[in-house]
Amino acid sequence: QSDEDRIRFNAQLIRVNDGQHLWTDTFDLQRAGLFALEDDLCHRIVKSLFGEAPGNTNYKPNADAHRLYTMGKYHRSLYSAAGARKAIEYATQAVSADPNYAAAHALIGNGWALLGYFFGVPPTEAYPKAEEASQRALSLGDSSGLAHLVQGEVQFFYHWTFEKAEANLRRALEMNPNNPDALHLLSLVLMVRHQNGKGLETMKKALEIDPTSSFRHVGMEFHLTCSNQIDAALVEVQKARDLDPMLAAPLLDLFNLNMVRGNPAAAVDAYLKLVSRPGSAPGRADELRKIFESQGITGILNARINRSTTGGVASPPMLMAQSYAFLGQRDKAMEWIQKAAEQRQGTVLFINQHPMYASLRDHPKFVEIVKQIGL
């Protein structure tokens, strides 16, 4: 409702999975106070759910910096290398507009951490930049928890200091107990620390908070796969695909799941869907279909390898390791896992968990790398 220079509106917070009303309030304000309203609204919601928010929440960025930061948050939420780059771009502009904007510094760090994880930038380049930006955010009094989340990402994926990673993520969750990103990453830290049951329960909580995220369903699928609950994992893959049919991760996971199950035809079907997405190389799917018809799954795996080694389309080391592992070429698989460790590719941390690496676990190099990482 509005009357000349004043606005009144009612706000409600409703839990999506059961429709329960968690919070409601009424706001009266001058039209000129819309920017302050956002802070007031966030504060009241947080207070109603969790009590007083920790840290200093009184910092007011200028309007242009806040607009740029909001755009960056949107692109970061896409969970892609392209989205992470745009998030860094917008957050950097926000920092230029307001150098003391702690949340924008934290967002820069988060963008770099995502680029490192998705291999959009070499992890050895991305994670130090993420660490620097998050430390700057903390020095400015970031109270959102994002800077601690980024510190957790860096400690986990780059430094391999799992205890410190867990401590940072728990600090982030103290500041925002319903942060699905912190819960998601904490679930992986717990898995790597051999607390798989707690990790799965933590991932379930992240999914309850963020049920419409295909990325969360991929996370749940990963936990179920690592617990050898393959049928349940396939259900989560389908949920992720229903939410975002073009997302690459569910299709890659579907390939791997079906290879683990010994169903190469279903694996190839998923892979053909992957290489048929918009923007893929024209004719690639037809070419691979013919290879499978004439050479079987061995031909597909060799085609993946050749495309990377001679076709000018470099694959991340762990993708190469997976292909060689499925071919039974254990020494070659271990060469690529070693490269992944050296390059700090994030998925190397799960070689002790995912069943597709089971055939490698008695290899002397595997044992050496597990010890080197601290798994």
Protein backbone atom coordinates (compact mmCIF):
# COMPACT_ATOMS: atom_id res chain seq x y z
CA GLN A 1 0.00 0.00 0.00
CA SER A 2 1.23 3.53 -0.70
CA ASP A 3 0.14 7.04 0.21
CA GLU A 4 2.09 9.94 -1.29
CA ASP A 5 5.61 9.58 0.13
CA ARG A 6 4.91 6.61 2.42
CA ILE A 7 4.78 2.84 1.77
CA ARG A 8 3.32 0.03 3.88
CA PHE A 9 3.71 -3.64 3.05
CA ASN A 10 3.43 -7.02 4.73
CA ALA A 11 6.19 -9.64 4.43
CA GLN A 12 5.98 -13.35 5.15
CA LEU A 13 8.59 -16.11 5.29
CA ILE A 14 7.19 -19.53 4.33
CA ARG A 15 9.00 -22.86 4.34
CA VAL A 16 8.60 -24.30 0.85
CA ASN A 17 8.52 -28.01 1.66
CA ASP A 18 5.46 -27.87 3.94
CA GLY A 19 4.02 -24.36 3.54
CA GLN A 20 4.55 -23.48 7.21
CA HIS A 21 4.61 -19.76 8.03
CA LEU A 22 7.87 -19.03 9.86
CA TRP A 23 7.63 -15.26 10.19
CA THR A 24 5.50 -12.26 9.28
CA ASP A 25 5.84 -8.50 9.82
CA THR A 26 4.55 -5.15 8.61
CA PHE A 27 6.77 -2.29 7.44
CA ASP A 28 5.96 1.43 7.26
CA LEU A 29 8.55 3.74 5.76
CA GLN A 30 9.30 6.76 3.61
CA ARG A 31 9.89 6.08 -0.07
CA ALA A 32 13.39 7.48 0.35
CA GLY A 33 14.17 4.73 2.86
CA LEU A 34 13.99 1.71 0.54
CA PHE A 35 17.70 0.97 0.83
CA ALA A 36 17.53 0.92 4.63
CA LEU A 37 14.48 -1.33 4.38
CA GLU A 38 16.54 -4.19 2.93
CA ASP A 39 18.87 -4.17 5.93
CA ASP A 40 15.96 -3.90 8.35
CA LEU A 41 14.12 -6.76 6.65
CA CYS A 42 17.17 -9.05 6.73
CA HIS A 43 17.83 -8.21 10.37
CA ARG A 44 14.25 -8.94 11.44
CA ILE A 45 14.15 -12.27 9.58
CA VAL A 46 17.48 -13.40 11.03
CA LYS A 47 16.47 -12.28 14.53
CA SER A 48 13.13 -14.08 14.30
CA LEU A 49 14.79 -17.34 13.23
CA PHE A 50 18.11 -17.35 15.07
CA GLY A 51 18.15 -14.48 17.58
CA GLU A 52 20.49 -11.52 17.21
CA ALA A 53 22.88 -11.89 14.29
CA PRO A 54 26.56 -12.04 15.29
CA GLY A 55 29.13 -9.54 14.17
CA ASN A 56 28.79 -5.99 12.95
CA THR A 57 25.81 -5.75 10.61
CA ASN A 58 25.63 -1.97 10.65
CA TYR A 59 27.87 -1.25 7.67
CA LYS A 60 25.97 0.53 4.89
CA PRO A 61 27.62 0.29 1.46
CA ASN A 62 26.80 2.92 -1.07
CA ALA A 63 23.89 2.16 -3.37
CA ASP A 64 25.98 1.56 -6.50
CA ALA A 65 28.31 -0.87 -4.69
CA HIS A 66 25.34 -2.75 -3.29
CA ARG A 67 23.74 -3.02 -6.72
CA LEU A 68 26.93 -4.44 -8.21
CA TYR A 69 27.33 -6.84 -5.29
CA THR A 70 23.77 -8.09 -5.76
CA MET A 71 24.45 -8.75 -9.45
CA GLY A 72 27.59 -10.66 -8.48
CA LYS A 73 25.67 -12.79 -5.98
CA TYR A 74 23.24 -13.79 -8.71
CA HIS A 75 25.98 -14.95 -11.08
CA ARG A 76 27.78 -16.77 -8.27
CA SER A 77 24.57 -18.71 -7.54
CA LEU A 78 24.77 -20.31 -11.01
CA TYR A 79 27.57 -22.62 -9.81
CA SER A 80 29.57 -22.48 -13.02
CA ALA A 81 32.95 -21.21 -14.13
CA ALA A 82 31.26 -18.55 -16.28
CA GLY A 83 29.06 -17.48 -13.37
CA ALA A 84 32.05 -17.30 -11.03
CA ARG A 85 33.90 -15.03 -13.47
CA LYS A 86 30.93 -12.67 -13.68
CA ALA A 87 30.62 -12.70 -9.88
CA ILE A 88 34.27 -11.65 -9.56
CA GLU A 89 33.75 -8.95 -12.18
CA TYR A 90 30.74 -7.42 -10.43
CA ALA A 91 32.19 -7.77 -6.92
CA THR A 92 35.45 -6.12 -8.06
CA GLN A 93 33.44 -3.19 -9.38
CA ALA A 94 31.59 -3.07 -6.06
CA VAL A 95 34.89 -2.87 -4.20
CA SER A 96 36.04 -0.07 -6.52
CA ALA A 97 32.86 1.82 -5.66
CA ASP A 98 33.22 1.10 -1.93
CA PRO A 99 36.66 -0.25 -0.88
CA ASN A 100 35.48 -1.02 2.67
CA TYR A 101 32.60 -3.24 1.56
CA ALA A 102 33.60 -6.48 3.32
CA ALA A 103 30.89 -8.64 1.77
CA ALA A 104 32.05 -7.70 -1.74
CA HIS A 105 35.63 -8.71 -0.89
CA ALA A 106 34.28 -12.03 0.41
CA LEU A 107 32.31 -12.52 -2.81
CA ILE A 108 35.48 -11.99 -4.85
CA GLY A 109 37.11 -14.71 -2.77
CA ASN A 110 34.17 -17.04 -3.25
CA GLY A 111 34.26 -16.49 -7.00
CA TRP A 112 37.94 -17.40 -7.17
CA ALA A 113 37.36 -20.49 -5.02
CA LEU A 114 34.58 -21.64 -7.36
CA LEU A 115 36.81 -21.07 -10.39
CA GLY A 116 39.45 -23.23 -8.75
CA TYR A 117 36.98 -26.00 -8.00
CA PHE A 118 35.42 -25.99 -11.48
CA PHE A 119 38.92 -25.84 -13.06
CA GLY A 120 37.98 -22.61 -14.85
CA VAL A 121 41.36 -21.30 -13.67
CA PRO A 122 44.24 -23.46 -12.45
CA PRO A 123 43.49 -24.11 -8.76
CA THR A 124 47.04 -23.16 -7.80
CA GLU A 125 46.28 -19.70 -9.18
CA ALA A 126 42.68 -19.38 -8.01
CA TYR A 127 42.85 -20.45 -4.37
CA PRO A 128 45.60 -18.00 -3.27
CA LYS A 129 43.49 -15.18 -4.73
CA ALA A 130 40.45 -16.51 -2.89
CA GLU A 131 42.43 -16.61 0.34
CA GLU A 132 43.69 -13.05 -0.08
CA ALA A 133 40.23 -11.66 -0.76
CA SER A 134 38.63 -13.50 2.16
CA GLN A 135 41.34 -12.31 4.55
CA ARG A 136 40.66 -8.76 3.41
CA ALA A 137 36.95 -9.28 4.07
CA LEU A 138 37.67 -10.56 7.57
CA SER A 139 39.93 -7.60 8.30
CA LEU A 140 36.99 -5.33 7.41
CA GLY A 141 34.66 -7.18 9.78
CA ASP A 142 32.64 -9.34 7.38
CA SER A 143 29.64 -10.58 9.35
CA SER A 144 27.88 -12.60 6.64
CA GLY A 145 29.92 -15.77 7.16
CA LEU A 146 30.96 -15.83 3.50
CA ALA A 147 34.59 -14.97 4.28
CA HIS A 148 34.80 -17.92 6.69
CA LEU A 149 33.19 -20.12 4.04
CA VAL A 150 35.88 -19.09 1.56
CA GLN A 151 38.58 -19.76 4.16
CA GLY A 152 37.06 -23.21 4.56
CA GLU A 153 37.15 -23.78 0.80
CA VAL A 154 40.82 -22.78 0.63
CA GLN A 155 41.84 -24.87 3.63
CA PHE A 156 39.98 -27.90 2.26
CA PHE A 157 40.77 -27.88 -1.45
CA TYR A 158 44.14 -26.11 -1.51
CA HIS A 159 45.97 -26.54 1.80
CA TRP A 160 44.44 -29.95 2.66
CA THR A 161 44.16 -28.84 6.30
CA PHE A 162 40.82 -30.50 6.98
CA GLU A 163 40.54 -29.66 10.67
CA LYS A 164 41.01 -25.95 9.94
CA ALA A 165 38.51 -26.19 7.09
CA GLU A 166 35.91 -27.65 9.42
CA ALA A 167 36.56 -24.95 12.02
CA ASN A 168 36.06 -22.18 9.45
CA LEU A 169 32.86 -23.74 8.14
CA ARG A 170 31.45 -24.13 11.64
CA ARG A 171 32.25 -20.48 12.28
CA ALA A 172 30.40 -19.56 9.08
CA LEU A 173 27.44 -21.59 10.31
CA GLU A 174 27.49 -19.83 13.67
CA MET A 175 27.01 -16.60 11.74
CA ASN A 176 24.36 -18.08 9.44
CA PRO A 177 23.11 -21.52 10.55
CA ASN A 178 21.04 -21.99 7.38
CA ASN A 179 23.80 -21.32 4.86
CA PRO A 180 23.40 -24.21 2.37
CA ASP A 181 26.85 -23.61 0.84
CA ALA A 182 28.58 -23.93 4.21
CA LEU A 183 26.54 -27.03 5.05
CA HIS A 184 27.27 -28.56 1.63
CA LEU A 185 31.01 -28.06 1.97
CA LEU A 186 31.02 -29.17 5.61
CA SER A 187 29.35 -32.41 4.52
CA LEU A 188 32.29 -33.08 2.18
CA VAL A 189 34.85 -32.23 4.84
CA LEU A 190 33.16 -34.68 7.20
CA MET A 191 33.21 -37.35 4.49
CA VAL A 192 36.92 -36.90 3.86
CA ARG A 193 37.47 -37.06 7.63
CA HIS A 194 35.74 -40.48 7.60
CA GLN A 195 32.54 -39.25 9.24
CA ASN A 196 30.33 -40.31 6.35
CA GLY A 197 27.13 -40.62 8.37
CA LYS A 198 27.45 -37.10 9.77
CA GLY A 199 28.39 -35.87 6.31
CA LEU A 200 25.26 -37.37 4.77
CA GLU A 201 23.04 -35.86 7.48
CA THR A 202 24.66 -32.45 6.95
CA MET A 203 24.06 -32.71 3.20
CA LYS A 204 20.43 -33.59 3.87
CA LYS A 205 20.08 -30.37 5.87
CA ALA A 206 21.59 -28.35 3.02
CA LEU A 207 19.12 -29.93 0.62
CA GLU A 208 16.17 -29.24 2.95
CA ILE A 209 17.13 -25.57 3.01
CA ASP A 210 17.80 -25.36 -0.72
CA PRO A 211 15.54 -28.01 -2.33
CA THR A 212 15.25 -26.35 -5.75
CA SER A 213 19.01 -26.29 -6.38
CA SER A 214 20.20 -28.88 -8.88
CA PHE A 215 23.66 -28.43 -7.36
CA ARG A 216 22.38 -29.64 -3.97
CA HIS A 217 20.84 -32.74 -5.54
CA VAL A 218 24.18 -33.45 -7.22
CA GLY A 219 25.76 -33.13 -3.79
CA MET A 220 23.29 -35.58 -2.29
CA GLU A 221 23.87 -37.97 -5.19
CA PHE A 222 27.61 -37.81 -4.53
CA HIS A 223 27.17 -38.70 -0.86
CA LEU A 224 24.85 -41.59 -1.69
CA THR A 225 27.26 -42.87 -4.33
CA CYS A 226 30.15 -42.78 -1.86
CA SER A 227 27.95 -44.73 0.56
CA ASN A 228 27.33 -47.33 -2.18
CA GLN A 229 23.63 -46.43 -2.32
CA ILE A 230 23.70 -46.37 -6.10
CA ASP A 231 19.95 -46.71 -6.74
CA ALA A 232 19.19 -43.81 -4.40
CA ALA A 233 21.97 -41.81 -6.06
CA LEU A 234 20.36 -42.33 -9.47
CA VAL A 235 17.11 -40.87 -8.09
CA GLU A 236 18.97 -37.72 -7.01
CA VAL A 237 20.63 -37.42 -10.41
CA GLN A 238 17.22 -37.43 -12.04
CA LYS A 239 15.99 -34.73 -9.64
CA ALA A 240 18.98 -32.59 -10.57
CA ARG A 241 18.28 -33.12 -14.26
CA ASP A 242 14.60 -32.25 -13.83
CA LEU A 243 15.63 -28.92 -12.28
CA ASP A 244 18.30 -28.14 -14.90
CA PRO A 245 18.39 -30.49 -17.91
CA MET A 246 21.42 -28.70 -19.38
CA LEU A 247 23.65 -28.91 -16.30
CA ALA A 248 26.76 -30.96 -17.07
CA ALA A 249 27.44 -32.43 -13.62
CA PRO A 250 24.40 -34.75 -13.40
CA LEU A 251 25.15 -36.19 -16.83
CA LEU A 252 28.79 -36.79 -15.99
CA ASP A 253 27.75 -38.42 -12.73
CA LEU A 254 25.16 -40.51 -14.55
CA PHE A 255 27.90 -41.78 -16.84
CA ASN A 256 30.09 -42.71 -13.87
CA LEU A 257 27.24 -44.29 -11.90
CA ASN A 258 26.28 -46.54 -14.79
CA MET A 259 29.89 -47.51 -15.37
CA VAL A 260 30.12 -48.51 -11.70
CA ARG A 261 26.92 -50.54 -12.13
CA GLY A 262 28.33 -52.29 -15.20
CA ASN A 263 25.80 -50.76 -17.59
CA PRO A 264 27.89 -49.17 -20.36
CA ALA A 265 24.91 -48.62 -22.68
CA ALA A 266 23.18 -46.42 -20.10
CA ALA A 267 26.48 -44.69 -19.41
CA VAL A 268 26.95 -43.85 -23.08
CA ASP A 269 23.35 -42.65 -23.34
CA ALA A 270 24.11 -40.11 -20.60
CA TYR A 271 27.37 -39.12 -22.25
CA LEU A 272 25.68 -38.55 -25.61
CA LYS A 273 23.19 -36.25 -23.89
CA LEU A 274 26.13 -34.38 -22.37
CA VAL A 275 27.85 -33.77 -25.71
CA SER A 276 24.53 -32.86 -27.38
CA ARG A 277 23.90 -29.81 -25.20
CA PRO A 278 23.75 -26.37 -26.84
CA GLY A 279 27.26 -25.10 -27.56
CA SER A 280 28.75 -28.57 -27.96
CA ALA A 281 30.80 -29.49 -31.02
CA PRO A 282 28.47 -30.19 -33.99
CA GLY A 283 28.30 -33.84 -34.92
CA ARG A 284 30.16 -35.00 -31.81
CA ALA A 285 27.25 -37.09 -30.49
CA ASP A 286 26.74 -38.87 -33.84
CA GLU A 287 30.46 -39.59 -34.07
CA LEU A 288 30.52 -41.12 -30.58
CA ARG A 289 27.37 -43.13 -31.22
CA LYS A 290 29.04 -44.77 -34.21
CA ILE A 291 32.18 -45.46 -32.16
CA PHE A 292 30.10 -47.18 -29.48
CA GLU A 293 28.28 -49.29 -32.06
CA SER A 294 31.55 -50.48 -33.58
CA GLN A 295 33.99 -50.50 -30.65
CA GLY A 296 31.86 -50.58 -27.51
CA ILE A 297 32.65 -48.71 -24.31
CA THR A 298 36.39 -49.13 -24.89
CA GLY A 299 36.06 -46.99 -28.03
CA ILE A 300 34.18 -44.28 -26.11
CA LEU A 301 36.76 -44.13 -23.33
CA ASN A 302 39.63 -44.01 -25.81
CA ALA A 303 37.81 -41.27 -27.74
CA ARG A 304 37.56 -39.21 -24.55
CA ILE A 305 41.26 -39.66 -23.92
CA ASN A 306 42.30 -38.91 -27.52
CA ARG A 307 40.18 -35.76 -27.65
CA SER A 308 42.16 -34.42 -24.71
CA THR A 309 45.65 -35.64 -25.64
CA THR A 310 45.57 -35.01 -29.40
CA GLY A 311 42.36 -33.14 -30.13
CA GLY A 312 43.29 -29.86 -28.49
CA VAL A 313 40.47 -30.01 -25.90
CA ALA A 314 42.26 -30.50 -22.59
CA SER A 315 40.34 -32.38 -19.89
CA PRO A 316 40.88 -31.99 -16.13
CA PRO A 317 43.30 -34.60 -14.79
CA MET A 318 40.66 -36.47 -12.79
CA LEU A 319 38.49 -36.94 -15.89
CA MET A 320 41.48 -38.53 -17.60
CA ALA A 321 42.12 -40.70 -14.54
CA GLN A 322 38.52 -41.91 -14.59
CA SER A 323 38.73 -42.94 -18.24
CA TYR A 324 41.94 -44.90 -17.66
CA ALA A 325 40.51 -46.49 -14.51
CA PHE A 326 37.45 -47.72 -16.41
CA LEU A 327 39.78 -49.11 -19.09
CA GLY A 328 41.71 -51.01 -16.44
CA GLN A 329 44.93 -49.09 -17.19
CA ARG A 330 45.85 -48.54 -13.57
CA ASP A 331 49.32 -47.07 -14.02
CA LYS A 332 48.03 -44.43 -16.44
CA ALA A 333 45.13 -43.65 -14.11
CA MET A 334 47.56 -43.10 -11.25
CA GLU A 335 49.73 -40.80 -13.38
CA TRP A 336 46.72 -38.53 -13.86
CA ILE A 337 45.65 -38.70 -10.23
CA GLN A 338 49.17 -37.59 -9.31
CA LYS A 339 48.82 -34.65 -11.69
CA ALA A 340 45.45 -33.81 -10.15
CA ALA A 341 47.03 -33.75 -6.69
CA GLU A 342 49.88 -31.55 -7.88
CA GLN A 343 47.40 -29.16 -9.52
CA ARG A 344 45.06 -29.26 -6.50
CA GLN A 345 42.02 -30.42 -8.47
CA GLY A 346 39.28 -30.65 -5.86
CA THR A 347 37.86 -34.05 -6.74
CA VAL A 348 41.17 -35.77 -5.97
CA LEU A 349 40.14 -35.56 -2.31
CA PHE A 350 37.46 -38.21 -2.87
CA ILE A 351 39.52 -41.02 -4.37
CA ASN A 352 39.15 -42.96 -1.12
CA GLN A 353 35.37 -42.58 -1.23
CA HIS A 354 33.96 -42.88 -4.76
CA PRO A 355 33.54 -46.47 -6.00
CA MET A 356 34.88 -45.71 -9.48
CA TYR A 357 38.38 -45.64 -7.96
CA ALA A 358 37.96 -48.95 -6.11
CA SER A 359 40.12 -50.87 -8.59
CA LEU A 360 43.06 -48.56 -7.89
CA ARG A 361 43.16 -48.65 -4.12
CA ASP A 362 45.77 -51.39 -3.78
CA HIS A 363 48.10 -49.63 -6.24
CA PRO A 364 51.29 -48.47 -4.45
CA LYS A 365 51.00 -44.99 -5.97
CA PHE A 366 47.41 -44.72 -4.74
CA VAL A 367 48.49 -45.52 -1.18
CA GLU A 368 51.27 -42.94 -1.47
CA ILE A 369 48.92 -40.19 -2.69
CA VAL A 370 46.36 -40.94 0.02
CA LYS A 371 49.10 -40.52 2.60
CA GLN A 372 50.41 -37.37 0.91
CA ILE A 373 46.99 -35.69 1.00
CA GLY A 374 46.17 -36.94 4.48
CA LEU A 375 43.11 -38.97 3.56
